[in-house]
């Protein structure tokens, strides 16, 4: 099953809030519902939310009662603004929305033709995502050796894309090639995407794993029991700074101190060459209740009047990254000069 797909004139997505307890598919008829689904993390992962937003624009086109192309374009721009604001850090969201808008023929005389063209372009984005991720997995799997133990942060598998995923797609490909791999799965607090989603995916693939809390990673890295660190990214700046799920920076820092290779696995659509470095990447702050609401043995952990901060991402400086794996190949430093070559390289 794909994470995000169009069926029966509706957008359908696996509801990732329900995993691993149950596998449920949510159905959407309106773009406002899609924006809310992105905000509430029904769907998450940079590639997946980009595809969801693209289909969200297809829904917006169908919702619009506009009879002329000019009126339809006005409605689409309003929908685009709402969708792009849903989660600001992941560049794939804005990339997909902008690609849809650029694909529209402004000289078209028929609003219905525009509606169909938007749906067709959204489906192309979804289809390309699967192909891009498969190619990325093949490039990355070449870096994995038989017998490797890998620390993986957050969820970057098929659930984070249409299929395959990014960093977890690399691990899956290595496993399917017959390499024996073992994964230490960071819980990824506070929403536990690792413990809930990555562990669930690894069980589907039959890949051996163990869950560790985020603050255990340094212990295993120092013990010599880990050979690689893999994670994805929601945005990569021109100098190779990587914005990824909160906790990635500490993980990469510990790996660097112990001379363990660190690989960020991203499609080139996640690389934002317009930003010179990671300080320019907007960092989403989520509801503090995601932190305050955590329970232990059925009881709330924190005092009743406690306050919290909840940045969803941090930025890992480029000097801590061994290489960035893309669908066009593996990019090594210096990233500022090498990333553009891979972003613009033909498949």
Protein backbone atom coordinates (compact mmCIF):
# COMPACT_ATOMS: atom_id res chain seq x y z
CA UNK A 1 0.00 0.00 0.00
CA UNK A 2 1.24 3.48 -0.83
CA UNK A 3 1.31 6.13 1.91
CA UNK A 4 -0.41 8.77 -0.24
CA UNK A 5 -2.59 7.96 -3.26
CA UNK A 6 -5.51 9.20 -5.37
CA UNK A 7 -8.50 6.87 -5.68
CA UNK A 8 -12.18 7.35 -6.54
CA UNK A 9 -11.72 11.11 -7.00
CA UNK A 10 -10.41 11.43 -3.44
CA UNK A 11 -7.05 11.75 -1.74
CA UNK A 12 -6.29 8.84 0.57
CA UNK A 13 -3.47 8.59 3.10
CA UNK A 14 -2.37 6.16 5.77
CA UNK A 15 -3.19 7.80 9.12
CA UNK A 16 0.21 7.63 10.78
CA UNK A 17 -1.19 8.70 14.14
CA UNK A 18 -2.89 5.29 14.43
CA UNK A 19 0.22 3.17 13.87
CA UNK A 20 1.35 0.73 15.09
CA UNK A 21 -1.94 -0.18 16.81
CA UNK A 22 -3.97 -0.14 13.60
CA UNK A 23 -3.48 0.47 9.89
CA UNK A 24 -6.15 2.95 8.83
CA UNK A 25 -6.60 4.94 5.63
CA UNK A 26 -8.04 8.47 5.90
CA UNK A 27 -10.01 9.98 2.99
CA UNK A 28 -10.00 13.66 2.00
CA UNK A 29 -12.33 15.68 -0.23
CA UNK A 30 -11.21 19.22 0.59
CA UNK A 31 -7.83 20.93 0.54
CA UNK A 32 -8.44 22.48 3.96
CA UNK A 33 -8.64 18.96 5.38
CA UNK A 34 -5.34 18.12 3.70
CA UNK A 35 -3.65 21.15 5.26
CA UNK A 36 -4.95 20.12 8.67
CA UNK A 37 -3.79 16.54 8.09
CA UNK A 38 -0.30 17.83 7.38
CA UNK A 39 -0.32 20.02 10.50
CA UNK A 40 -1.63 17.24 12.75
CA UNK A 41 0.77 14.67 11.24
CA UNK A 42 -1.78 12.30 9.76
CA UNK A 43 0.86 12.40 7.04
CA UNK A 44 4.49 13.31 7.75
CA UNK A 45 7.90 13.04 6.14
CA UNK A 46 9.11 15.63 3.65
CA UNK A 47 8.41 13.69 0.41
CA UNK A 48 5.00 12.47 1.62
CA UNK A 49 3.72 15.89 2.62
CA UNK A 50 4.90 17.30 -0.69
CA UNK A 51 2.83 14.75 -2.59
CA UNK A 52 -0.11 15.27 -0.22
CA UNK A 53 0.00 19.03 -0.88
CA UNK A 54 0.13 18.44 -4.64
CA UNK A 55 -3.04 16.35 -4.46
CA UNK A 56 -4.45 18.97 -2.08
CA UNK A 57 -4.23 21.48 -4.92
CA UNK A 58 -6.04 19.01 -7.18
CA UNK A 59 -8.83 18.94 -4.59
CA UNK A 60 -8.80 22.75 -4.42
CA UNK A 61 -9.28 22.91 -8.18
CA UNK A 62 -12.28 20.59 -7.92
CA UNK A 63 -13.74 22.52 -4.98
CA UNK A 64 -13.57 25.82 -6.82
CA UNK A 65 -16.75 26.90 -8.55
CA UNK A 66 -14.79 29.15 -10.90
CA UNK A 67 -15.82 28.92 -14.52
CA UNK A 68 -12.93 30.93 -15.95
CA UNK A 69 -9.20 30.13 -15.73
CA UNK A 70 -8.47 33.52 -14.13
CA UNK A 71 -10.94 32.92 -11.29
CA UNK A 72 -9.69 29.38 -10.82
CA UNK A 73 -6.09 30.58 -10.53
CA UNK A 74 -7.12 33.00 -7.78
CA UNK A 75 -8.72 30.17 -5.81
CA UNK A 76 -5.69 27.96 -6.35
CA UNK A 77 -3.32 30.63 -5.06
CA UNK A 78 -5.34 30.94 -1.84
CA UNK A 79 -5.24 27.17 -1.42
CA UNK A 80 -1.51 27.12 -2.15
CA UNK A 81 -0.85 29.67 0.58
CA UNK A 82 -2.75 27.63 3.15
CA UNK A 83 -1.05 24.38 2.20
CA UNK A 84 2.45 25.89 2.20
CA UNK A 85 1.93 27.32 5.69
CA UNK A 86 0.96 23.93 7.15
CA UNK A 87 4.57 22.94 7.98
CA UNK A 88 7.25 25.51 7.12
CA UNK A 89 10.51 23.57 7.58
CA UNK A 90 10.01 20.83 4.97
CA UNK A 91 10.93 22.41 1.64
CA UNK A 92 9.28 19.58 -0.35
CA UNK A 93 5.87 20.96 0.57
CA UNK A 94 6.46 24.35 -1.02
CA UNK A 95 8.44 22.72 -3.87
CA UNK A 96 5.48 20.51 -4.85
CA UNK A 97 2.90 23.29 -4.58
CA UNK A 98 5.05 25.66 -6.64
CA UNK A 99 5.65 22.97 -9.24
CA UNK A 100 1.90 22.48 -9.64
CA UNK A 101 1.34 26.22 -10.03
CA UNK A 102 4.14 26.51 -12.61
CA UNK A 103 2.64 23.65 -14.63
CA UNK A 104 -0.64 25.48 -15.18
CA UNK A 105 -1.11 26.88 -18.67
CA UNK A 106 -2.11 30.48 -17.98
CA UNK A 107 -3.38 30.81 -21.56
CA UNK A 108 -5.83 27.93 -21.23
CA UNK A 109 -9.39 28.82 -22.16
CA UNK A 110 -11.01 25.99 -20.23
CA UNK A 111 -11.05 25.80 -16.42
CA UNK A 112 -11.89 22.10 -16.49
CA UNK A 113 -8.80 21.40 -18.58
CA UNK A 114 -6.72 23.12 -15.89
CA UNK A 115 -8.36 20.98 -13.22
CA UNK A 116 -7.39 17.80 -15.07
CA UNK A 117 -3.86 19.04 -15.75
CA UNK A 118 -3.33 19.70 -12.04
CA UNK A 119 -4.40 16.18 -11.12
CA UNK A 120 -2.15 14.76 -13.82
CA UNK A 121 0.83 16.76 -12.53
CA UNK A 122 0.15 15.69 -8.94
CA UNK A 123 0.14 12.05 -10.03
CA UNK A 124 3.42 12.60 -11.88
CA UNK A 125 4.96 13.96 -8.68
CA UNK A 126 3.75 10.87 -6.80
CA UNK A 127 5.08 8.48 -9.46
CA UNK A 128 8.42 10.29 -9.60
CA UNK A 129 8.72 10.10 -5.82
CA UNK A 130 8.66 6.31 -5.93
CA UNK A 131 11.26 6.16 -8.69
CA UNK A 132 13.50 8.76 -7.05
CA UNK A 133 13.43 6.92 -3.73
CA UNK A 134 14.25 3.59 -5.34
CA UNK A 135 17.28 5.11 -7.10
CA UNK A 136 18.34 6.79 -3.87
CA UNK A 137 18.08 3.46 -2.04
CA UNK A 138 20.31 1.79 -4.60
CA UNK A 139 23.01 4.47 -4.28
CA UNK A 140 22.86 4.38 -0.50
CA UNK A 141 22.83 0.59 -0.19
CA UNK A 142 26.28 0.53 -1.77
CA UNK A 143 27.56 2.24 1.40
CA UNK A 144 26.16 -0.49 3.67
CA UNK A 145 28.36 -3.50 4.39
CA UNK A 146 27.25 -6.99 5.34
CA UNK A 147 26.93 -7.19 9.13
CA UNK A 148 26.53 -3.44 9.74
CA UNK A 149 24.68 -2.15 12.80
CA UNK A 150 23.06 1.18 11.96
CA UNK A 151 21.55 3.86 14.19
CA UNK A 152 18.52 5.40 12.50
CA UNK A 153 16.68 8.53 13.68
CA UNK A 154 12.98 9.37 13.21
CA UNK A 155 11.06 7.63 10.41
CA UNK A 156 12.30 7.85 6.84
CA UNK A 157 10.74 4.78 5.28
CA UNK A 158 7.79 4.24 2.96
CA UNK A 159 5.59 6.07 5.47
CA UNK A 160 7.64 9.25 4.95
CA UNK A 161 7.23 9.09 1.17
CA UNK A 162 4.89 7.50 -1.35
CA UNK A 163 6.97 4.32 -1.15
CA UNK A 164 10.51 3.18 -0.23
CA UNK A 165 11.47 6.36 1.63
CA UNK A 166 14.91 7.88 2.13
CA UNK A 167 17.31 6.61 4.83
CA UNK A 168 15.17 3.62 5.79
CA UNK A 169 14.76 2.88 2.08
CA UNK A 170 18.56 2.49 1.93
CA UNK A 171 18.46 -0.02 4.80
CA UNK A 172 15.58 -1.88 3.17
CA UNK A 173 17.44 -2.08 -0.15
CA UNK A 174 20.59 -3.39 1.56
CA UNK A 175 18.46 -6.03 3.31
CA UNK A 176 16.81 -7.07 0.02
CA UNK A 177 20.27 -7.37 -1.53
CA UNK A 178 21.03 -10.04 1.08
CA UNK A 179 23.17 -7.95 3.43
CA UNK A 180 22.74 -8.73 7.11
CA UNK A 181 21.91 -5.47 8.83
CA UNK A 182 20.77 -4.65 12.35
CA UNK A 183 19.08 -1.35 13.22
CA UNK A 184 19.15 0.53 16.50
CA UNK A 185 15.99 2.62 16.32
CA UNK A 186 16.01 5.95 18.13
CA UNK A 187 12.62 6.46 19.79
CA UNK A 188 12.65 10.04 18.43
CA UNK A 189 10.94 11.95 21.18
CA UNK A 190 8.53 13.53 21.81
CA UNK A 191 6.26 12.03 19.10
CA UNK A 192 8.16 8.73 18.95
CA UNK A 193 8.23 8.35 15.18
CA UNK A 194 11.08 5.87 15.53
CA UNK A 195 9.48 3.67 18.16
CA UNK A 196 6.04 3.78 16.55
CA UNK A 197 6.68 3.95 12.81
CA UNK A 198 10.22 2.86 11.99
CA UNK A 199 9.93 -0.21 14.23
CA UNK A 200 6.61 -1.07 12.57
CA UNK A 201 8.11 -0.77 9.08
CA UNK A 202 11.16 -2.86 9.97
CA UNK A 203 8.84 -5.61 11.18
CA UNK A 204 7.04 -5.57 7.82
CA UNK A 205 10.39 -6.02 6.03
CA UNK A 206 11.75 -8.67 8.43
CA UNK A 207 14.78 -6.54 9.34
CA UNK A 208 16.12 -7.13 12.87
CA UNK A 209 16.03 -4.09 15.14
CA UNK A 210 16.11 -2.89 18.72
CA UNK A 211 14.57 0.32 20.06
CA UNK A 212 16.78 2.67 22.08
CA UNK A 213 15.91 5.97 23.71
CA UNK A 214 17.50 8.94 21.98
CA UNK A 215 19.98 9.53 24.81
CA UNK A 216 21.40 6.00 24.49
CA UNK A 217 22.92 6.63 21.05
CA UNK A 218 26.17 8.03 22.42
CA UNK A 219 26.72 4.90 24.52
CA UNK A 220 26.41 2.59 21.54
CA UNK A 221 28.53 4.80 19.29
CA UNK A 222 31.34 4.92 21.84
CA UNK A 223 31.14 1.16 22.48
CA UNK A 224 32.18 0.36 18.90
CA UNK A 225 28.95 -1.53 18.28
CA UNK A 226 27.71 0.79 15.51
CA UNK A 227 29.16 1.16 11.99
CA UNK A 228 26.86 3.77 10.40
CA UNK A 229 24.39 6.53 11.28
CA UNK A 230 21.57 7.24 8.80
CA UNK A 231 18.81 9.82 8.79
CA UNK A 232 16.84 11.87 6.29
CA UNK A 233 16.26 15.63 6.17
CA UNK A 234 13.46 18.11 5.69
CA UNK A 235 15.73 20.72 4.15
CA UNK A 236 19.39 20.92 3.15
CA UNK A 237 21.08 24.31 2.72
CA UNK A 238 23.59 25.10 -0.04
CA UNK A 239 26.57 24.51 2.26
CA UNK A 240 25.31 21.07 3.33
CA UNK A 241 23.79 22.02 6.68
CA UNK A 242 20.90 19.62 7.31
CA UNK A 243 17.60 20.36 9.07
CA UNK A 244 16.10 17.15 10.38
CA UNK A 245 13.99 15.85 13.26
CA UNK A 246 15.02 17.23 16.63
CA UNK A 247 17.83 15.17 18.14
CA UNK A 248 19.70 14.67 14.86
CA UNK A 249 22.38 17.22 15.76
CA UNK A 250 23.27 15.46 19.03
CA UNK A 251 23.35 12.10 17.25
CA UNK A 252 25.63 13.39 14.47
CA UNK A 253 27.90 15.11 17.00
CA UNK A 254 28.35 11.90 18.98
CA UNK A 255 29.01 9.94 15.79
CA UNK A 256 31.60 12.49 14.63
CA UNK A 257 33.41 12.31 17.98
CA UNK A 258 33.60 8.53 17.62
CA UNK A 259 34.60 8.53 13.94
CA UNK A 260 31.38 6.84 12.78
CA UNK A 261 30.20 7.78 9.24
CA UNK A 262 27.03 9.88 9.12
CA UNK A 263 24.82 9.85 6.01
CA UNK A 264 21.84 12.08 5.29
CA UNK A 265 19.60 10.59 2.60
CA UNK A 266 17.46 13.07 0.66
CA UNK A 267 15.92 13.60 -2.78
CA UNK A 268 17.34 16.60 -4.60
CA UNK A 269 13.96 18.32 -4.15
CA UNK A 270 14.89 18.64 -0.45
CA UNK A 271 18.09 20.55 -1.24
CA UNK A 272 17.42 24.29 -1.07
CA UNK A 273 20.27 26.04 -2.87
CA UNK A 274 18.64 29.42 -2.22
CA UNK A 275 19.66 29.22 1.45
CA UNK A 276 23.36 29.78 2.09
CA UNK A 277 23.46 27.88 5.38
CA UNK A 278 21.31 26.24 8.01
CA UNK A 279 20.77 29.40 10.03
CA UNK A 280 18.30 30.50 7.33
CA UNK A 281 16.12 27.38 7.60
CA UNK A 282 12.82 28.12 9.41
CA UNK A 283 12.37 25.84 12.41
CA UNK A 284 8.83 24.79 13.26
CA UNK A 285 7.82 24.97 16.93
CA UNK A 286 5.00 22.59 17.74
CA UNK A 287 2.44 22.43 20.53
CA UNK A 288 4.21 22.10 23.93
CA UNK A 289 1.58 19.53 24.89
CA UNK A 290 3.47 17.01 22.77
CA UNK A 291 6.15 17.24 25.48
CA UNK A 292 3.99 17.91 28.52
CA UNK A 293 1.46 15.20 27.76
CA UNK A 294 3.91 12.29 27.97
CA UNK A 295 2.83 9.70 30.53
CA UNK A 296 4.67 7.03 32.52
CA UNK A 297 2.75 4.03 33.82
CA UNK A 298 -0.48 5.83 33.00
CA UNK A 299 0.40 9.00 34.90
CA UNK A 300 1.35 12.43 33.59
CA UNK A 301 5.10 12.90 34.09
CA UNK A 302 5.43 16.64 34.60
CA UNK A 303 4.01 18.98 37.28
CA UNK A 304 0.61 20.51 36.55
CA UNK A 305 2.04 24.01 35.97
CA UNK A 306 5.07 22.94 33.93
CA UNK A 307 5.92 24.72 30.69
CA UNK A 308 7.84 23.32 27.73
CA UNK A 309 9.56 24.17 24.47
CA UNK A 310 9.03 21.99 21.43
CA UNK A 311 11.15 22.74 18.34
CA UNK A 312 10.43 20.00 15.84
CA UNK A 313 13.79 20.18 14.06
CA UNK A 314 17.43 21.05 14.61
CA UNK A 315 20.23 21.86 12.17
CA UNK A 316 23.26 19.59 11.85
CA UNK A 317 26.32 21.51 10.58
CA UNK A 318 27.77 20.23 7.34
CA UNK A 319 31.15 19.32 8.85
CA UNK A 320 29.43 16.52 10.82
CA UNK A 321 28.01 14.94 7.64
CA UNK A 322 30.14 12.31 5.87
CA UNK A 323 28.04 12.39 2.69
CA UNK A 324 24.56 13.22 1.39
CA UNK A 325 22.87 10.45 -0.60
CA UNK A 326 20.57 11.60 -3.43
CA UNK A 327 18.82 9.91 -6.33
CA UNK A 328 21.61 11.22 -8.57
CA UNK A 329 24.42 9.74 -6.50
CA UNK A 330 26.37 10.19 -3.28
CA UNK A 331 27.58 13.74 -2.64
CA UNK A 332 30.78 14.24 -0.65
CA UNK A 333 32.28 17.50 0.68
CA UNK A 334 32.83 20.23 -0.22
CA UNK A 335 29.05 20.41 -0.38
CA UNK A 336 28.80 24.03 -1.48
CA UNK A 337 30.49 23.24 -4.78
CA UNK A 338 29.30 19.64 -5.17
CA UNK A 339 25.60 19.83 -4.25
CA UNK A 340 24.63 21.96 -7.29
CA UNK A 341 26.23 19.39 -9.61
CA UNK A 342 23.94 16.66 -8.27
CA UNK A 343 20.83 18.83 -8.01
CA UNK A 344 21.09 19.74 -11.68
CA UNK A 345 22.40 16.38 -12.91
CA UNK A 346 20.12 14.59 -15.37
CA UNK A 347 18.83 11.19 -14.26
